[in-house]
């Protein structure tokens, strides 16, 4: 029986990385994401989905967090007693959200 050396350091080469990427592409049927080299010579890949999510996140950051005019109108309606809660509308919205998630 041969002892196993758990302290072996294995460094992946660029050709190893390309081979793994090609194998994954062949299995998934998708094209490989674009890769960019880093300072150490390794590459970092960002999928189109990740790129789209980053773009959406940046767009959301530009939107105002709170519609102050709406908050003030609701606050005023609550103060003067004219705010009406539509329970049926709330239930319908909750059921619709549940159906979309399920």
Protein backbone atom coordinates (compact mmCIF):
# COMPACT_ATOMS: atom_id res chain seq x y z
CA UNK A 1 0.00 0.00 0.00
CA UNK A 2 1.40 3.41 -1.00
CA UNK A 3 1.02 6.31 1.43
CA UNK A 4 -0.90 9.33 0.10
CA UNK A 5 0.88 12.69 0.20
CA UNK A 6 -1.76 15.24 1.21
CA UNK A 7 0.73 18.09 1.06
CA UNK A 8 1.17 18.00 -2.72
CA UNK A 9 0.63 21.37 -4.33
CA UNK A 10 -0.98 21.24 -7.74
CA UNK A 11 -1.02 24.37 -9.86
CA UNK A 12 -3.39 24.52 -12.77
CA UNK A 13 -1.82 25.69 -16.02
CA UNK A 14 -3.54 27.78 -18.65
CA UNK A 15 -3.93 24.74 -20.93
CA UNK A 16 -5.53 22.80 -18.06
CA UNK A 17 -7.98 25.66 -17.50
CA UNK A 18 -8.79 25.89 -21.20
CA UNK A 19 -9.36 22.12 -21.35
CA UNK A 20 -11.73 22.25 -18.37
CA UNK A 21 -13.57 25.18 -19.94
CA UNK A 22 -13.89 23.37 -23.28
CA UNK A 23 -15.14 20.21 -21.54
CA UNK A 24 -17.76 22.14 -19.60
CA UNK A 25 -18.86 23.89 -22.79
CA UNK A 26 -19.22 20.62 -24.64
CA UNK A 27 -21.34 19.15 -21.83
CA UNK A 28 -23.59 22.20 -21.44
CA UNK A 29 -23.88 23.07 -25.12
CA UNK A 30 -23.20 26.71 -24.30
CA UNK A 31 -20.37 28.86 -25.46
CA UNK A 32 -17.67 29.68 -22.94
CA UNK A 33 -17.92 33.07 -21.22
CA UNK A 34 -15.33 35.67 -22.03
CA UNK A 35 -12.21 35.47 -19.90
CA UNK A 36 -9.74 38.14 -18.93
CA UNK A 37 -6.22 37.52 -17.66
CA UNK A 38 -5.28 38.51 -14.13
CA UNK A 39 -1.90 39.56 -12.77
CA UNK A 40 -1.05 35.96 -11.87
CA UNK A 41 -1.80 34.69 -15.38
CA UNK A 42 -5.05 32.99 -14.38
CA UNK A 43 -8.30 34.03 -15.99
CA UNK A 44 -11.58 35.24 -14.56
CA UNK A 45 -14.82 34.59 -16.43
CA UNK A 46 -18.07 36.49 -16.13
CA UNK A 47 -21.17 34.93 -17.62
CA UNK A 48 -23.68 36.98 -19.57
CA UNK A 49 -26.18 36.46 -16.75
CA UNK A 50 -23.76 37.91 -14.21
CA UNK A 51 -23.08 40.82 -16.53
CA UNK A 52 -26.83 41.45 -16.92
CA UNK A 53 -27.33 41.32 -13.14
CA UNK A 54 -24.53 43.82 -12.62
CA UNK A 55 -26.12 46.16 -15.15
CA UNK A 56 -29.52 45.88 -13.44
CA UNK A 57 -27.92 46.49 -10.04
CA UNK A 58 -26.31 49.67 -11.34
CA UNK A 59 -29.64 50.85 -12.79
CA UNK A 60 -31.39 50.21 -9.46
CA UNK A 61 -28.77 52.25 -7.61
CA UNK A 62 -29.70 55.26 -9.75
CA UNK A 63 -33.40 55.07 -8.82
CA UNK A 64 -34.66 57.01 -5.82
CA UNK A 65 -35.25 54.75 -2.81
CA UNK A 66 -38.48 56.33 -1.61
CA UNK A 67 -41.25 58.23 -3.39
CA UNK A 68 -41.58 61.04 -0.84
CA UNK A 69 -44.71 62.51 -2.46
CA UNK A 70 -46.51 59.16 -2.13
CA UNK A 71 -45.35 58.74 1.47
CA UNK A 72 -46.65 62.20 2.35
CA UNK A 73 -50.02 61.61 0.67
CA UNK A 74 -50.49 58.32 2.54
CA UNK A 75 -49.36 59.92 5.81
CA UNK A 76 -51.88 62.71 5.30
CA UNK A 77 -54.68 60.25 4.47
CA UNK A 78 -53.93 58.27 7.65
CA UNK A 79 -53.87 61.46 9.71
CA UNK A 80 -57.22 62.72 8.47
CA UNK A 81 -58.84 59.27 8.58
CA UNK A 82 -59.48 58.97 4.85
CA UNK A 83 -57.04 56.09 4.24
CA UNK A 84 -58.95 52.97 3.30
CA UNK A 85 -57.44 49.48 3.50
CA UNK A 86 -58.69 47.23 0.71
CA UNK A 87 -58.34 43.78 2.33
CA UNK A 88 -59.53 41.93 -0.80
CA UNK A 89 -56.86 43.64 -2.90
CA UNK A 90 -54.16 42.71 -0.37
CA UNK A 91 -55.29 39.07 -0.32
CA UNK A 92 -55.41 38.92 -4.13
CA UNK A 93 -51.87 40.33 -4.35
CA UNK A 94 -50.58 37.85 -1.78
CA UNK A 95 -52.19 34.93 -3.60
CA UNK A 96 -50.80 36.10 -6.93
CA UNK A 97 -47.30 36.40 -5.44
CA UNK A 98 -47.60 32.92 -3.95
CA UNK A 99 -48.72 31.48 -7.30
CA UNK A 100 -45.77 33.11 -9.08
CA UNK A 101 -43.31 31.68 -6.54
CA UNK A 102 -44.83 28.22 -6.47
